[in-house]
Protein backbone atom coordinates (compact mmCIF):
# COMPACT_ATOMS: atom_id res chain seq x y z
CA UNK A 1 0.16 0.03 0.41
CA UNK A 2 1.55 3.41 -0.90
CA UNK A 3 1.77 6.65 1.49
CA UNK A 4 0.72 9.93 1.52
CA UNK A 5 0.79 12.77 3.64
CA UNK A 6 -0.94 16.31 3.76
CA UNK A 7 0.53 18.30 5.72
CA UNK A 8 -2.60 20.94 6.82
CA UNK A 9 -1.70 23.43 9.16
CA UNK A 10 -4.73 25.95 8.78
CA UNK A 11 -8.55 25.90 10.13
CA UNK A 12 -9.24 22.76 11.90
CA UNK A 13 -10.03 19.88 10.29
CA UNK A 14 -13.66 18.31 9.71
CA UNK A 15 -14.49 14.73 8.34
CA UNK A 16 -16.18 16.88 5.52
CA UNK A 17 -13.07 19.07 4.83
CA UNK A 18 -10.50 16.10 5.55
CA UNK A 19 -11.88 13.91 2.95
CA UNK A 20 -11.72 16.72 -0.07
CA UNK A 21 -8.44 17.11 0.53
CA UNK A 22 -7.34 13.48 0.85
CA UNK A 23 -9.60 12.80 -2.30
CA UNK A 24 -7.97 15.61 -4.15
CA UNK A 25 -4.05 13.97 -3.38
CA UNK A 26 -5.65 10.70 -4.33
CA UNK A 27 -6.07 12.09 -7.65
CA UNK A 28 -2.90 13.93 -8.13
CA UNK A 29 -1.63 10.31 -7.34
CA UNK A 30 -3.06 9.07 -10.40
CA UNK A 31 -6.53 7.74 -9.27
CA UNK A 32 -9.17 8.51 -11.66
CA UNK A 33 -12.22 8.44 -8.85
CA UNK A 34 -11.21 8.34 -5.45
CA UNK A 35 -13.57 6.07 -3.00
CA UNK A 36 -12.58 6.46 0.79
CA UNK A 37 -13.08 2.66 1.64
CA UNK A 38 -11.99 3.43 5.27
CA UNK A 39 -11.49 5.83 6.97
CA UNK A 40 -9.87 7.11 11.09
CA UNK A 41 -9.54 9.97 13.57
CA UNK A 42 -6.89 9.82 15.81
CA UNK A 43 -7.69 11.13 19.57
CA UNK A 44 -11.05 11.46 19.25
CA UNK A 45 -14.49 9.85 20.05
CA UNK A 46 -15.66 10.40 16.71
CA UNK A 47 -14.95 6.83 14.81
CA UNK A 48 -16.62 4.52 11.96
CA UNK A 49 -18.41 2.26 12.93
CA UNK A 50 -17.07 -1.12 13.71
CA UNK A 51 -17.47 -5.10 14.83
CA UNK A 52 -18.01 -5.99 18.32
CA UNK A 53 -14.90 -7.57 19.38
CA UNK A 54 -12.64 -5.92 16.61
CA UNK A 55 -9.40 -3.25 17.54
CA UNK A 56 -11.47 0.13 17.06
CA UNK A 57 -6.99 2.10 16.92
CA UNK A 58 -6.33 -1.15 14.10
CA UNK A 59 -9.14 -2.42 12.15
CA UNK A 60 -10.55 0.89 9.78
CA UNK A 61 -6.63 0.06 8.27
CA UNK A 62 -7.36 -3.66 8.15
CA UNK A 63 -10.47 -3.50 6.16
CA UNK A 64 -9.79 -0.49 4.10
CA UNK A 65 -6.73 -3.07 3.21
CA UNK A 66 -8.81 -5.60 2.45
CA UNK A 67 -11.37 -4.52 0.21
CA UNK A 68 -9.11 -3.06 -2.55
CA UNK A 69 -7.55 0.32 -0.88
CA UNK A 70 -4.11 0.86 -2.66
CA UNK A 71 -3.53 4.20 -0.85
CA UNK A 72 -3.31 5.24 2.59
CA UNK A 73 -3.49 8.95 3.18
CA UNK A 74 -3.31 11.33 6.32
CA UNK A 75 -4.12 14.39 6.53
CA UNK A 76 -2.47 16.35 9.09
CA UNK A 77 -2.44 14.65 12.45
CA UNK A 78 -5.40 13.33 12.80
CA UNK A 79 -7.29 12.05 9.69
CA UNK A 80 -5.95 9.34 7.94
CA UNK A 81 -8.22 7.49 5.16
CA UNK A 82 -7.43 4.72 2.84
CA UNK A 83 -8.42 5.33 -0.35
CA UNK A 84 -9.01 2.90 -3.50
CA UNK A 85 -10.13 3.59 -7.37
CA UNK A 86 -13.23 3.10 -8.12
CA UNK A 87 -13.28 3.33 -11.90
CA UNK A 88 -13.25 0.61 -13.06
CA UNK A 89 -16.42 -0.58 -11.59
CA UNK A 90 -20.08 0.07 -12.89
CA UNK A 91 -22.41 2.63 -11.12
CA UNK A 92 -25.91 1.25 -9.64
CA UNK A 93 -27.89 4.44 -11.35
CA UNK A 94 -31.26 5.51 -10.03
CA UNK A 95 -32.35 3.42 -7.01
CA UNK A 96 -35.69 1.40 -7.23
CA UNK A 97 -35.74 2.84 -3.46
CA UNK A 98 -36.68 5.73 -0.78
CA UNK A 99 -37.68 6.82 2.47
CA UNK A 100 -40.43 7.75 3.59
CA UNK A 101 -42.21 8.81 6.80
CA UNK A 102 -45.85 8.56 7.98
CA UNK A 103 -47.77 11.28 10.16
CA UNK A 104 -46.62 9.72 12.90
CA UNK A 105 -43.19 10.04 12.08
CA UNK A 106 -41.95 6.31 12.01
CA UNK A 107 -39.62 5.32 8.42
CA UNK A 108 -40.59 3.17 5.78
CA UNK A 109 -37.94 1.87 3.20
CA UNK A 110 -40.32 2.06 0.36
CA UNK A 111 -39.78 -0.01 -3.14
CA UNK A 112 -39.97 3.03 -5.81
CA UNK A 113 -41.72 0.99 -9.05
CA UNK A 114 -44.76 -0.19 -6.79
CA UNK A 115 -45.55 2.72 -4.66
CA UNK A 116 -44.74 4.98 -8.09
CA UNK A 117 -42.82 8.00 -7.90
CA UNK A 118 -44.66 10.71 -6.89
CA UNK A 119 -46.58 8.97 -3.97
CA UNK A 120 -45.62 10.91 -0.19
CA UNK A 121 -47.03 7.91 1.61
CA UNK A 122 -46.03 4.20 2.77
CA UNK A 123 -48.10 1.67 1.57
CA UNK A 124 -47.89 -1.46 3.21
CA UNK A 125 -47.42 -3.68 0.37
CA UNK A 126 -44.57 -0.80 -1.01
CA UNK A 127 -43.17 -0.50 1.98
CA UNK A 128 -41.21 -1.91 4.90
CA UNK A 129 -40.62 0.03 8.61
CA UNK A 130 -37.16 0.68 8.90
CA UNK A 131 -34.61 -1.09 11.52
CA UNK A 132 -31.42 -2.33 12.34
CA UNK A 133 -31.53 -4.07 9.45
CA UNK A 134 -32.53 -1.60 7.00
CA UNK A 135 -30.29 1.08 5.39
CA UNK A 136 -31.36 4.43 4.83
CA UNK A 137 -31.53 5.96 1.54
CA UNK A 138 -31.66 9.29 1.71
């Protein structure tokens, strides 16, 4: 895996600004479509999700490298990213799923071909309540 560092000494970074800097450097390193496979923030409570039983300080690097990451970029002394070039992958296009809420604030994941593109209320035929197993499509 290649390593690169951005010596950032400007304003304080957040995830958004650090990830944009990392993607910019990845493009300079000849990645056509840089994609973040994993990330880590040093010395902070903020972190990406991790698996129970894994070491939060190291799992992100193993995950990123094991899933196609080829470039590790550190931004300042806070953020680290594992990047891959996604230019060779097919894109999904428009997802046939979307989120809706009912009048009580309950959220649902809905299959648009059954529901229709203009519907504003979830229906039992096309929608499933969001829970810990379904992903938010916003």
